[in-house]
Amino acid sequence: CALLDGLFPAEVLGMTWMGIFLFNLATIS
């Protein structure tokens, strides 16, 4: 997301990162 910032809408990157983060939280929980 840091490297792609500016190439994709901030909302798309934000939702993508949040989805990955949520998946990781579920994995360890």
mmCIF file of all heavy atoms, coordinates in Angstrom:
data_MODEL
# 
_entry.id   MODEL 
# 
loop_
_atom_site.group_PDB 
_atom_site.id 
_atom_site.type_symbol 
_atom_site.label_atom_id 
_atom_site.label_alt_id 
_atom_site.label_comp_id 
_atom_site.label_asym_id 
_atom_site.label_entity_id 
_atom_site.label_seq_id 
_atom_site.pdbx_PDB_ins_code 
_atom_site.Cartn_x 
_atom_site.Cartn_y 
_atom_site.Cartn_z 
_atom_site.occupancy 
_atom_site.B_iso_or_equiv 
_atom_site.pdbx_formal_charge 
_atom_site.auth_seq_id 
_atom_site.auth_comp_id 
_atom_site.auth_asym_id 
_atom_site.auth_atom_id 
_atom_site.pdbx_PDB_model_num 
ATOM 1   N N   . CYS A 1 1  ? 0.826   -1.214  0.000  1.00 0.00 ? 1  CYS A N   1 
ATOM 2   C CA  . CYS A 1 1  ? 0.000   0.000   0.000  1.00 0.00 ? 1  CYS A CA  1 
ATOM 3   C C   . CYS A 1 1  ? 0.857   1.259   0.000  1.00 0.00 ? 1  CYS A C   1 
ATOM 4   O O   . CYS A 1 1  ? 0.505   2.257   -0.634 1.00 0.00 ? 1  CYS A O   1 
ATOM 5   C CB  . CYS A 1 1  ? -0.939  -0.004  1.203  1.00 0.00 ? 1  CYS A CB  1 
ATOM 6   S SG  . CYS A 1 1  ? -2.283  -1.211  1.101  1.00 0.00 ? 1  CYS A SG  1 
ATOM 7   N N   . ALA A 1 2  ? 1.982   1.216   0.707  1.00 0.00 ? 2  ALA A N   1 
ATOM 8   C CA  . ALA A 1 2  ? 2.882   2.370   0.727  1.00 0.00 ? 2  ALA A CA  1 
ATOM 9   C C   . ALA A 1 2  ? 3.461   2.625   -0.658 1.00 0.00 ? 2  ALA A C   1 
ATOM 10  O O   . ALA A 1 2  ? 3.566   3.777   -1.107 1.00 0.00 ? 2  ALA A O   1 
ATOM 11  C CB  . ALA A 1 2  ? 4.003   2.148   1.738  1.00 0.00 ? 2  ALA A CB  1 
ATOM 12  N N   . LEU A 1 3  ? 3.816   1.556   -1.363 1.00 0.00 ? 3  LEU A N   1 
ATOM 13  C CA  . LEU A 1 3  ? 4.398   1.701   -2.698 1.00 0.00 ? 3  LEU A CA  1 
ATOM 14  C C   . LEU A 1 3  ? 3.351   2.082   -3.739 1.00 0.00 ? 3  LEU A C   1 
ATOM 15  O O   . LEU A 1 3  ? 3.672   2.747   -4.735 1.00 0.00 ? 3  LEU A O   1 
ATOM 16  C CB  . LEU A 1 3  ? 5.092   0.397   -3.105 1.00 0.00 ? 3  LEU A CB  1 
ATOM 17  C CG  . LEU A 1 3  ? 6.291   -0.027  -2.246 1.00 0.00 ? 3  LEU A CG  1 
ATOM 18  C CD1 . LEU A 1 3  ? 6.818   -1.381  -2.687 1.00 0.00 ? 3  LEU A CD1 1 
ATOM 19  C CD2 . LEU A 1 3  ? 7.403   1.027   -2.324 1.00 0.00 ? 3  LEU A CD2 1 
ATOM 20  N N   . LEU A 1 4  ? 2.102   1.655   -3.521 1.00 0.00 ? 4  LEU A N   1 
ATOM 21  C CA  . LEU A 1 4  ? 1.034   1.916   -4.488 1.00 0.00 ? 4  LEU A CA  1 
ATOM 22  C C   . LEU A 1 4  ? 0.248   3.184   -4.183 1.00 0.00 ? 4  LEU A C   1 
ATOM 23  O O   . LEU A 1 4  ? -0.669  3.533   -4.920 1.00 0.00 ? 4  LEU A O   1 
ATOM 24  C CB  . LEU A 1 4  ? 0.067   0.722   -4.529 1.00 0.00 ? 4  LEU A CB  1 
ATOM 25  C CG  . LEU A 1 4  ? 0.656   -0.593  -5.021 1.00 0.00 ? 4  LEU A CG  1 
ATOM 26  C CD1 . LEU A 1 4  ? -0.359  -1.713  -4.892 1.00 0.00 ? 4  LEU A CD1 1 
ATOM 27  C CD2 . LEU A 1 4  ? 1.126   -0.458  -6.481 1.00 0.00 ? 4  LEU A CD2 1 
ATOM 28  N N   . ASP A 1 5  ? 0.607   3.855   -3.085 1.00 0.00 ? 5  ASP A N   1 
ATOM 29  C CA  . ASP A 1 5  ? -0.098  5.083   -2.718 1.00 0.00 ? 5  ASP A CA  1 
ATOM 30  C C   . ASP A 1 5  ? 0.039   6.113   -3.838 1.00 0.00 ? 5  ASP A C   1 
ATOM 31  O O   . ASP A 1 5  ? 1.137   6.402   -4.304 1.00 0.00 ? 5  ASP A O   1 
ATOM 32  C CB  . ASP A 1 5  ? 0.475   5.652   -1.422 1.00 0.00 ? 5  ASP A CB  1 
ATOM 33  C CG  . ASP A 1 5  ? -0.304  6.852   -0.939 1.00 0.00 ? 5  ASP A CG  1 
ATOM 34  O OD1 . ASP A 1 5  ? -1.486  6.697   -0.597 1.00 0.00 ? 5  ASP A OD1 1 
ATOM 35  O OD2 . ASP A 1 5  ? 0.274   7.973   -0.928 1.00 0.00 ? 5  ASP A OD2 1 
ATOM 36  N N   . GLY A 1 6  ? -1.081  6.628   -4.280 1.00 0.00 ? 6  GLY A N   1 
ATOM 37  C CA  . GLY A 1 6  ? -1.090  7.573   -5.396 1.00 0.00 ? 6  GLY A CA  1 
ATOM 38  C C   . GLY A 1 6  ? -1.448  6.917   -6.713 1.00 0.00 ? 6  GLY A C   1 
ATOM 39  O O   . GLY A 1 6  ? -1.922  7.605   -7.630 1.00 0.00 ? 6  GLY A O   1 
ATOM 40  N N   . LEU A 1 7  ? -1.209  5.620   -6.838 1.00 0.00 ? 7  LEU A N   1 
ATOM 41  C CA  . LEU A 1 7  ? -1.570  4.899   -8.053 1.00 0.00 ? 7  LEU A CA  1 
ATOM 42  C C   . LEU A 1 7  ? -2.993  4.371   -7.998 1.00 0.00 ? 7  LEU A C   1 
ATOM 43  O O   . LEU A 1 7  ? -3.614  4.142   -9.041 1.00 0.00 ? 7  LEU A O   1 
ATOM 44  C CB  . LEU A 1 7  ? -0.599  3.737   -8.290 1.00 0.00 ? 7  LEU A CB  1 
ATOM 45  C CG  . LEU A 1 7  ? 0.877   4.116   -8.481 1.00 0.00 ? 7  LEU A CG  1 
ATOM 46  C CD1 . LEU A 1 7  ? 1.731   2.865   -8.647 1.00 0.00 ? 7  LEU A CD1 1 
ATOM 47  C CD2 . LEU A 1 7  ? 1.042   5.038   -9.685 1.00 0.00 ? 7  LEU A CD2 1 
ATOM 48  N N   . PHE A 1 8  ? -3.485  4.136   -6.782 1.00 0.00 ? 8  PHE A N   1 
ATOM 49  C CA  . PHE A 1 8  ? -4.856  3.677   -6.570 1.00 0.00 ? 8  PHE A CA  1 
ATOM 50  C C   . PHE A 1 8  ? -5.548  4.626   -5.598 1.00 0.00 ? 8  PHE A C   1 
ATOM 51  O O   . PHE A 1 8  ? -4.883  5.275   -4.788 1.00 0.00 ? 8  PHE A O   1 
ATOM 52  C CB  . PHE A 1 8  ? -4.871  2.248   -6.004 1.00 0.00 ? 8  PHE A CB  1 
ATOM 53  C CG  . PHE A 1 8  ? -4.397  1.195   -6.963 1.00 0.00 ? 8  PHE A CG  1 
ATOM 54  C CD1 . PHE A 1 8  ? -3.050  0.851   -7.036 1.00 0.00 ? 8  PHE A CD1 1 
ATOM 55  C CD2 . PHE A 1 8  ? -5.294  0.557   -7.801 1.00 0.00 ? 8  PHE A CD2 1 
ATOM 56  C CE1 . PHE A 1 8  ? -2.618  -0.116  -7.919 1.00 0.00 ? 8  PHE A CE1 1 
ATOM 57  C CE2 . PHE A 1 8  ? -4.873  -0.418  -8.686 1.00 0.00 ? 8  PHE A CE2 1 
ATOM 58  C CZ  . PHE A 1 8  ? -3.532  -0.750  -8.748 1.00 0.00 ? 8  PHE A CZ  1 
ATOM 59  N N   . PRO A 1 9  ? -6.867  4.706   -5.664 1.00 0.00 ? 9  PRO A N   1 
ATOM 60  C CA  . PRO A 1 9  ? -7.594  5.571   -4.719 1.00 0.00 ? 9  PRO A CA  1 
ATOM 61  C C   . PRO A 1 9  ? -7.286  5.177   -3.275 1.00 0.00 ? 9  PRO A C   1 
ATOM 62  O O   . PRO A 1 9  ? -7.144  3.996   -2.951 1.00 0.00 ? 9  PRO A O   1 
ATOM 63  C CB  . PRO A 1 9  ? -9.068  5.323   -5.063 1.00 0.00 ? 9  PRO A CB  1 
ATOM 64  C CG  . PRO A 1 9  ? -9.051  4.848   -6.483 1.00 0.00 ? 9  PRO A CG  1 
ATOM 65  C CD  . PRO A 1 9  ? -7.780  4.070   -6.636 1.00 0.00 ? 9  PRO A CD  1 
ATOM 66  N N   . ALA A 1 10 ? -7.183  6.181   -2.408 1.00 0.00 ? 10 ALA A N   1 
ATOM 67  C CA  . ALA A 1 10 ? -6.869  5.927   -1.003 1.00 0.00 ? 10 ALA A CA  1 
ATOM 68  C C   . ALA A 1 10 ? -7.910  5.037   -0.352 1.00 0.00 ? 10 ALA A C   1 
ATOM 69  O O   . ALA A 1 10 ? -7.587  4.211   0.518  1.00 0.00 ? 10 ALA A O   1 
ATOM 70  C CB  . ALA A 1 10 ? -6.752  7.246   -0.249 1.00 0.00 ? 10 ALA A CB  1 
ATOM 71  N N   . GLU A 1 11 ? -9.179  5.178   -0.783 1.00 0.00 ? 11 GLU A N   1 
ATOM 72  C CA  . GLU A 1 11 ? -10.245 4.351   -0.193 1.00 0.00 ? 11 GLU A CA  1 
ATOM 73  C C   . GLU A 1 11 ? -10.032 2.873   -0.510 1.00 0.00 ? 11 GLU A C   1 
ATOM 74  O O   . GLU A 1 11 ? -10.272 2.007   0.326  1.00 0.00 ? 11 GLU A O   1 
ATOM 75  C CB  . GLU A 1 11 ? -11.613 4.801   -0.708 1.00 0.00 ? 11 GLU A CB  1 
ATOM 76  C CG  . GLU A 1 11 ? -12.018 6.201   -0.281 1.00 0.00 ? 11 GLU A CG  1 
ATOM 77  C CD  . GLU A 1 11 ? -11.419 7.276   -1.174 1.00 0.00 ? 11 GLU A CD  1 
ATOM 78  O OE1 . GLU A 1 11 ? -10.652 6.911   -2.110 1.00 0.00 ? 11 GLU A OE1 1 
ATOM 79  O OE2 . GLU A 1 11 ? -11.690 8.471   -0.945 1.00 0.00 ? 11 GLU A OE2 1 
ATOM 80  N N   . VAL A 1 12 ? -9.610  2.584   -1.742 1.00 0.00 ? 12 VAL A N   1 
ATOM 81  C CA  . VAL A 1 12 ? -9.375  1.191   -2.153 1.00 0.00 ? 12 VAL A CA  1 
ATOM 82  C C   . VAL A 1 12 ? -8.227  0.588   -1.348 1.00 0.00 ? 12 VAL A C   1 
ATOM 83  O O   . VAL A 1 12 ? -8.319  -0.535  -0.844 1.00 0.00 ? 12 VAL A O   1 
ATOM 84  C CB  . VAL A 1 12 ? -9.083  1.115   -3.660 1.00 0.00 ? 12 VAL A CB  1 
ATOM 85  C CG1 . VAL A 1 12 ? -8.678  -0.304  -4.062 1.00 0.00 ? 12 VAL A CG1 1 
ATOM 86  C CG2 . VAL A 1 12 ? -10.293 1.569   -4.457 1.00 0.00 ? 12 VAL A CG2 1 
ATOM 87  N N   . LEU A 1 13 ? -7.129  1.340   -1.229 1.00 0.00 ? 13 LEU A N   1 
ATOM 88  C CA  . LEU A 1 13 ? -5.990  0.843   -0.460 1.00 0.00 ? 13 LEU A CA  1 
ATOM 89  C C   . LEU A 1 13 ? -6.364  0.658   1.008  1.00 0.00 ? 13 LEU A C   1 
ATOM 90  O O   . LEU A 1 13 ? -5.966  -0.327  1.645  1.00 0.00 ? 13 LEU A O   1 
ATOM 91  C CB  . LEU A 1 13 ? -4.808  1.814   -0.591 1.00 0.00 ? 13 LEU A CB  1 
ATOM 92  C CG  . LEU A 1 13 ? -4.170  1.930   -1.975 1.00 0.00 ? 13 LEU A CG  1 
ATOM 93  C CD1 . LEU A 1 13 ? -3.049  2.948   -1.947 1.00 0.00 ? 13 LEU A CD1 1 
ATOM 94  C CD2 . LEU A 1 13 ? -3.651  0.581   -2.449 1.00 0.00 ? 13 LEU A CD2 1 
ATOM 95  N N   . GLY A 1 14 ? -7.140  1.603   1.538  1.00 0.00 ? 14 GLY A N   1 
ATOM 96  C CA  . GLY A 1 14 ? -7.545  1.509   2.938  1.00 0.00 ? 14 GLY A CA  1 
ATOM 97  C C   . GLY A 1 14 ? -8.403  0.286   3.212  1.00 0.00 ? 14 GLY A C   1 
ATOM 98  O O   . GLY A 1 14 ? -8.178  -0.439  4.190  1.00 0.00 ? 14 GLY A O   1 
ATOM 99  N N   . MET A 1 15 ? -9.399  0.047   2.348  1.00 0.00 ? 15 MET A N   1 
ATOM 100 C CA  . MET A 1 15 ? -10.258 -1.111  2.528  1.00 0.00 ? 15 MET A CA  1 
ATOM 101 C C   . MET A 1 15 ? -9.486  -2.411  2.357  1.00 0.00 ? 15 MET A C   1 
ATOM 102 O O   . MET A 1 15 ? -9.706  -3.390  3.072  1.00 0.00 ? 15 MET A O   1 
ATOM 103 C CB  . MET A 1 15 ? -11.423 -1.059  1.536  1.00 0.00 ? 15 MET A CB  1 
ATOM 104 C CG  . MET A 1 15 ? -12.469 0.004   1.845  1.00 0.00 ? 15 MET A CG  1 
ATOM 105 S SD  . MET A 1 15 ? -13.334 -0.305  3.405  1.00 0.00 ? 15 MET A SD  1 
ATOM 106 C CE  . MET A 1 15 ? -14.248 -1.793  3.006  1.00 0.00 ? 15 MET A CE  1 
ATOM 107 N N   . THR A 1 16 ? -8.545  -2.440  1.409  1.00 0.00 ? 16 THR A N   1 
ATOM 108 C CA  . THR A 1 16 ? -7.728  -3.635  1.182  1.00 0.00 ? 16 THR A CA  1 
ATOM 109 C C   . THR A 1 16 ? -6.882  -3.956  2.397  1.00 0.00 ? 16 THR A C   1 
ATOM 110 O O   . THR A 1 16 ? -6.844  -5.104  2.869  1.00 0.00 ? 16 THR A O   1 
ATOM 111 C CB  . THR A 1 16 ? -6.835  -3.442  -0.048 1.00 0.00 ? 16 THR A CB  1 
ATOM 112 O OG1 . THR A 1 16 ? -7.642  -3.182  -1.204 1.00 0.00 ? 16 THR A OG1 1 
ATOM 113 C CG2 . THR A 1 16 ? -5.982  -4.678  -0.296 1.00 0.00 ? 16 THR A CG2 1 
ATOM 114 N N   . TRP A 1 17 ? -6.201  -2.927  2.924  1.00 0.00 ? 17 TRP A N   1 
ATOM 115 C CA  . TRP A 1 17 ? -5.344  -3.160  4.090  1.00 0.00 ? 17 TRP A CA  1 
ATOM 116 C C   . TRP A 1 17 ? -6.168  -3.577  5.308  1.00 0.00 ? 17 TRP A C   1 
ATOM 117 O O   . TRP A 1 17 ? -5.783  -4.484  6.046  1.00 0.00 ? 17 TRP A O   1 
ATOM 118 C CB  . TRP A 1 17 ? -4.536  -1.901  4.409  1.00 0.00 ? 17 TRP A CB  1 
ATOM 119 C CG  . TRP A 1 17 ? -3.532  -2.149  5.511  1.00 0.00 ? 17 TRP A CG  1 
ATOM 120 C CD1 . TRP A 1 17 ? -2.277  -2.663  5.377  1.00 0.00 ? 17 TRP A CD1 1 
ATOM 121 C CD2 . TRP A 1 17 ? -3.742  -1.940  6.916  1.00 0.00 ? 17 TRP A CD2 1 
ATOM 122 N NE1 . TRP A 1 17 ? -1.678  -2.780  6.600  1.00 0.00 ? 17 TRP A NE1 1 
ATOM 123 C CE2 . TRP A 1 17 ? -2.556  -2.339  7.571  1.00 0.00 ? 17 TRP A CE2 1 
ATOM 124 C CE3 . TRP A 1 17 ? -4.801  -1.440  7.664  1.00 0.00 ? 17 TRP A CE3 1 
ATOM 125 C CZ2 . TRP A 1 17 ? -2.412  -2.256  8.946  1.00 0.00 ? 17 TRP A CZ2 1 
ATOM 126 C CZ3 . TRP A 1 17 ? -4.661  -1.363  9.038  1.00 0.00 ? 17 TRP A CZ3 1 
ATOM 127 C CH2 . TRP A 1 17 ? -3.474  -1.765  9.678  1.00 0.00 ? 17 TRP A CH2 1 
ATOM 128 N N   . MET A 1 18 ? -7.315  -2.954  5.502  1.00 0.00 ? 18 MET A N   1 
ATOM 129 C CA  . MET A 1 18 ? -8.162  -3.302  6.635  1.00 0.00 ? 18 MET A CA  1 
ATOM 130 C C   . MET A 1 18 ? -8.670  -4.746  6.518  1.00 0.00 ? 18 MET A C   1 
ATOM 131 O O   . MET A 1 18 ? -8.784  -5.464  7.510  1.00 0.00 ? 18 MET A O   1 
ATOM 132 C CB  . MET A 1 18 ? -9.342  -2.341  6.733  1.00 0.00 ? 18 MET A CB  1 
ATOM 133 C CG  . MET A 1 18 ? -8.991  -0.964  7.255  1.00 0.00 ? 18 MET A CG  1 
ATOM 134 S SD  . MET A 1 18 ? -8.333  -0.990  8.938  1.00 0.00 ? 18 MET A SD  1 
ATOM 135 C CE  . MET A 1 18 ? -9.746  -1.641  9.844  1.00 0.00 ? 18 MET A CE  1 
ATOM 136 N N   . GLY A 1 19 ? -8.960  -5.182  5.284  1.00 0.00 ? 19 GLY A N   1 
ATOM 137 C CA  . GLY A 1 19 ? -9.402  -6.559  5.082  1.00 0.00 ? 19 GLY A CA  1 
ATOM 138 C C   . GLY A 1 19 ? -8.310  -7.554  5.449  1.00 0.00 ? 19 GLY A C   1 
ATOM 139 O O   . GLY A 1 19 ? -8.575  -8.578  6.101  1.00 0.00 ? 19 GLY A O   1 
ATOM 140 N N   . ILE A 1 20 ? -7.077  -7.258  5.036  1.00 0.00 ? 20 ILE A N   1 
ATOM 141 C CA  . ILE A 1 20 ? -5.950  -8.134  5.375  1.00 0.00 ? 20 ILE A CA  1 
ATOM 142 C C   . ILE A 1 20 ? -5.727  -8.155  6.883  1.00 0.00 ? 20 ILE A C   1 
ATOM 143 O O   . ILE A 1 20 ? -5.511  -9.206  7.491  1.00 0.00 ? 20 ILE A O   1 
ATOM 144 C CB  . ILE A 1 20 ? -4.673  -7.662  4.644  1.00 0.00 ? 20 ILE A CB  1 
ATOM 145 C CG1 . ILE A 1 20 ? -4.851  -7.786  3.132  1.00 0.00 ? 20 ILE A CG1 1 
ATOM 146 C CG2 . ILE A 1 20 ? -3.464  -8.467  5.110  1.00 0.00 ? 20 ILE A CG2 1 
ATOM 147 C CD1 . ILE A 1 20 ? -3.710  -7.192  2.333  1.00 0.00 ? 20 ILE A CD1 1 
ATOM 148 N N   . PHE A 1 21 ? -5.800  -6.981  7.497  1.00 0.00 ? 21 PHE A N   1 
ATOM 149 C CA  . PHE A 1 21 ? -5.589  -6.876  8.942  1.00 0.00 ? 21 PHE A CA  1 
ATOM 150 C C   . PHE A 1 21 ? -6.660  -7.653  9.706  1.00 0.00 ? 21 PHE A C   1 
ATOM 151 O O   . PHE A 1 21 ? -6.361  -8.362  10.677 1.00 0.00 ? 21 PHE A O   1 
ATOM 152 C CB  . PHE A 1 21 ? -5.605  -5.402  9.345  1.00 0.00 ? 21 PHE A CB  1 
ATOM 153 C CG  . PHE A 1 21 ? -5.373  -5.162  10.808 1.00 0.00 ? 21 PHE A CG  1 
ATOM 154 C CD1 . PHE A 1 21 ? -4.208  -5.591  11.423 1.00 0.00 ? 21 PHE A CD1 1 
ATOM 155 C CD2 . PHE A 1 21 ? -6.314  -4.482  11.567 1.00 0.00 ? 21 PHE A CD2 1 
ATOM 156 C CE1 . PHE A 1 21 ? -3.986  -5.369  12.779 1.00 0.00 ? 21 PHE A CE1 1 
ATOM 157 C CE2 . PHE A 1 21 ? -6.108  -4.254  12.918 1.00 0.00 ? 21 PHE A CE2 1 
ATOM 158 C CZ  . PHE A 1 21 ? -4.945  -4.696  13.524 1.00 0.00 ? 21 PHE A CZ  1 
ATOM 159 N N   . LEU A 1 22 ? -7.906  -7.560  9.267  1.00 0.00 ? 22 LEU A N   1 
ATOM 160 C CA  . LEU A 1 22 ? -8.996  -8.291  9.909  1.00 0.00 ? 22 LEU A CA  1 
ATOM 161 C C   . LEU A 1 22 ? -8.788  -9.798  9.781  1.00 0.00 ? 22 LEU A C   1 
ATOM 162 O O   . LEU A 1 22 ? -9.012  -10.558 10.735 1.00 0.00 ? 22 LEU A O   1 
ATOM 163 C CB  . LEU A 1 22 ? -10.336 -7.887  9.297  1.00 0.00 ? 22 LEU A CB  1 
ATOM 164 C CG  . LEU A 1 22 ? -11.576 -8.613  9.826  1.00 0.00 ? 22 LEU A CG  1 
ATOM 165 C CD1 . LEU A 1 22 ? -11.743 -8.352  11.321 1.00 0.00 ? 22 LEU A CD1 1 
ATOM 166 C CD2 . LEU A 1 22 ? -12.826 -8.159  9.068  1.00 0.00 ? 22 LEU A CD2 1 
ATOM 167 N N   . PHE A 1 23 ? -8.362  -10.241 8.609  1.00 0.00 ? 23 PHE A N   1 
ATOM 168 C CA  . PHE A 1 23 ? -8.093  -11.666 8.403  1.00 0.00 ? 23 PHE A CA  1 
ATOM 169 C C   . PHE A 1 23 ? -6.994  -12.150 9.341  1.00 0.00 ? 23 PHE A C   1 
ATOM 170 O O   . PHE A 1 23 ? -7.096  -13.227 9.943  1.00 0.00 ? 23 PHE A O   1 
ATOM 171 C CB  . PHE A 1 23 ? -7.691  -11.909 6.951  1.00 0.00 ? 23 PHE A CB  1 
ATOM 172 C CG  . PHE A 1 23 ? -7.304  -13.332 6.655  1.00 0.00 ? 23 PHE A CG  1 
ATOM 173 C CD1 . PHE A 1 23 ? -8.275  -14.309 6.506  1.00 0.00 ? 23 PHE A CD1 1 
ATOM 174 C CD2 . PHE A 1 23 ? -5.974  -13.689 6.525  1.00 0.00 ? 23 PHE A CD2 1 
ATOM 175 C CE1 . PHE A 1 23 ? -7.929  -15.626 6.245  1.00 0.00 ? 23 PHE A CE1 1 
ATOM 176 C CE2 . PHE A 1 23 ? -5.609  -14.997 6.259  1.00 0.00 ? 23 PHE A CE2 1 
ATOM 177 C CZ  . PHE A 1 23 ? -6.595  -15.969 6.114  1.00 0.00 ? 23 PHE A CZ  1 
ATOM 178 N N   . ASN A 1 24 ? -5.941  -11.349 9.487  1.00 0.00 ? 24 ASN A N   1 
ATOM 179 C CA  . ASN A 1 24 ? -4.859  -11.720 10.395 1.00 0.00 ? 24 ASN A CA  1 
ATOM 180 C C   . ASN A 1 24 ? -5.321  -11.784 11.847 1.00 0.00 ? 24 ASN A C   1 
ATOM 181 O O   . ASN A 1 24 ? -4.932  -12.676 12.599 1.00 0.00 ? 24 ASN A O   1 
ATOM 182 C CB  . ASN A 1 24 ? -3.706  -10.721 10.276 1.00 0.00 ? 24 ASN A CB  1 
ATOM 183 C CG  . ASN A 1 24 ? -2.643  -11.155 9.294  1.00 0.00 ? 24 ASN A CG  1 
ATOM 184 O OD1 . ASN A 1 24 ? -1.750  -10.380 8.966  1.00 0.00 ? 24 ASN A OD1 1 
ATOM 185 N ND2 . ASN A 1 24 ? -2.721  -12.374 8.807  1.00 0.00 ? 24 ASN A ND2 1 
ATOM 186 N N   . LEU A 1 25 ? -6.153  -10.841 12.252 1.00 0.00 ? 25 LEU A N   1 
ATOM 187 C CA  . LEU A 1 25 ? -6.682  -10.862 13.617 1.00 0.00 ? 25 LEU A CA  1 
ATOM 188 C C   . LEU A 1 25 ? -7.493  -12.127 13.870 1.00 0.00 ? 25 LEU A C   1 
ATOM 189 O O   . LEU A 1 25 ? -7.378  -12.751 14.931 1.00 0.00 ? 25 LEU A O   1 
ATOM 190 C CB  . LEU A 1 25 ? -7.547  -9.625  13.861 1.00 0.00 ? 25 LEU A CB  1 
ATOM 191 C CG  . LEU A 1 25 ? -6.820  -8.293  14.066 1.00 0.00 ? 25 LEU A CG  1 
ATOM 192 C CD1 . LEU A 1 25 ? -7.836  -7.175  14.257 1.00 0.00 ? 25 LEU A CD1 1 
ATOM 193 C CD2 . LEU A 1 25 ? -5.884  -8.360  15.272 1.00 0.00 ? 25 LEU A CD2 1 
ATOM 194 N N   . ALA A 1 26 ? -8.306  -12.504 12.904 1.00 0.00 ? 26 ALA A N   1 
ATOM 195 C CA  . ALA A 1 26 ? -9.101  -13.731 13.044 1.00 0.00 ? 26 ALA A CA  1 
ATOM 196 C C   . ALA A 1 26 ? -8.200  -14.955 13.121 1.00 0.00 ? 26 ALA A C   1 
ATOM 197 O O   . ALA A 1 26 ? -8.478  -15.900 13.869 1.00 0.00 ? 26 ALA A O   1 
ATOM 198 C CB  . ALA A 1 26 ? -10.074 -13.855 11.877 1.00 0.00 ? 26 ALA A CB  1 
ATOM 199 N N   . THR A 1 27 ? -7.092  -14.939 12.374 1.00 0.00 ? 27 THR A N   1 
ATOM 200 C CA  . THR A 1 27 ? -6.176  -16.075 12.352 1.00 0.00 ? 27 THR A CA  1 
ATOM 201 C C   . THR A 1 27 ? -5.575  -16.339 13.722 1.00 0.00 ? 27 THR A C   1 
ATOM 202 O O   . THR A 1 27 ? -5.470  -17.498 14.156 1.00 0.00 ? 27 THR A O   1 
ATOM 203 C CB  . THR A 1 27 ? -5.052  -15.829 11.332 1.00 0.00 ? 27 THR A CB  1 
ATOM 204 O OG1 . THR A 1 27 ? -5.624  -15.649 10.036 1.00 0.00 ? 27 THR A OG1 1 
ATOM 205 C CG2 . THR A 1 27 ? -4.073  -16.996 11.299 1.00 0.00 ? 27 THR A CG2 1 
ATOM 206 N N   . ILE A 1 28 ? -5.162  -15.286 14.422 1.00 0.00 ? 28 ILE A N   1 
ATOM 207 C CA  . ILE A 1 28 ? -4.507  -15.480 15.708 1.00 0.00 ? 28 ILE A CA  1 
ATOM 208 C C   . ILE A 1 28 ? -5.496  -15.526 16.869 1.00 0.00 ? 28 ILE A C   1 
ATOM 209 O O   . ILE A 1 28 ? -5.129  -15.886 17.982 1.00 0.00 ? 28 ILE A O   1 
ATOM 210 C CB  . ILE A 1 28 ? -3.453  -14.388 15.974 1.00 0.00 ? 28 ILE A CB  1 
ATOM 211 C CG1 . ILE A 1 28 ? -4.126  -13.027 16.186 1.00 0.00 ? 28 ILE A CG1 1 
ATOM 212 C CG2 . ILE A 1 28 ? -2.426  -14.341 14.860 1.00 0.00 ? 28 ILE A CG2 1 
ATOM 213 C CD1 . ILE A 1 28 ? -3.174  -11.978 16.709 1.00 0.00 ? 28 ILE A CD1 1 
ATOM 214 N N   . SER A 1 29 ? -6.741  -15.149 16.631 1.00 0.00 ? 29 SER A N   1 
ATOM 215 C CA  . SER A 1 29 ? -7.732  -15.110 17.707 1.00 0.00 ? 29 SER A CA  1 
ATOM 216 C C   . SER A 1 29 ? -8.420  -16.451 17.925 1.00 0.00 ? 29 SER A C   1 
ATOM 217 O O   . SER A 1 29 ? -8.872  -16.751 19.035 1.00 0.00 ? 29 SER A O   1 
ATOM 218 C CB  . SER A 1 29 ? -8.801  -14.044 17.425 1.00 0.00 ? 29 SER A CB  1 
ATOM 219 O OG  . SER A 1 29 ? -8.223  -12.756 17.355 1.00 0.00 ? 29 SER A OG  1 
# 
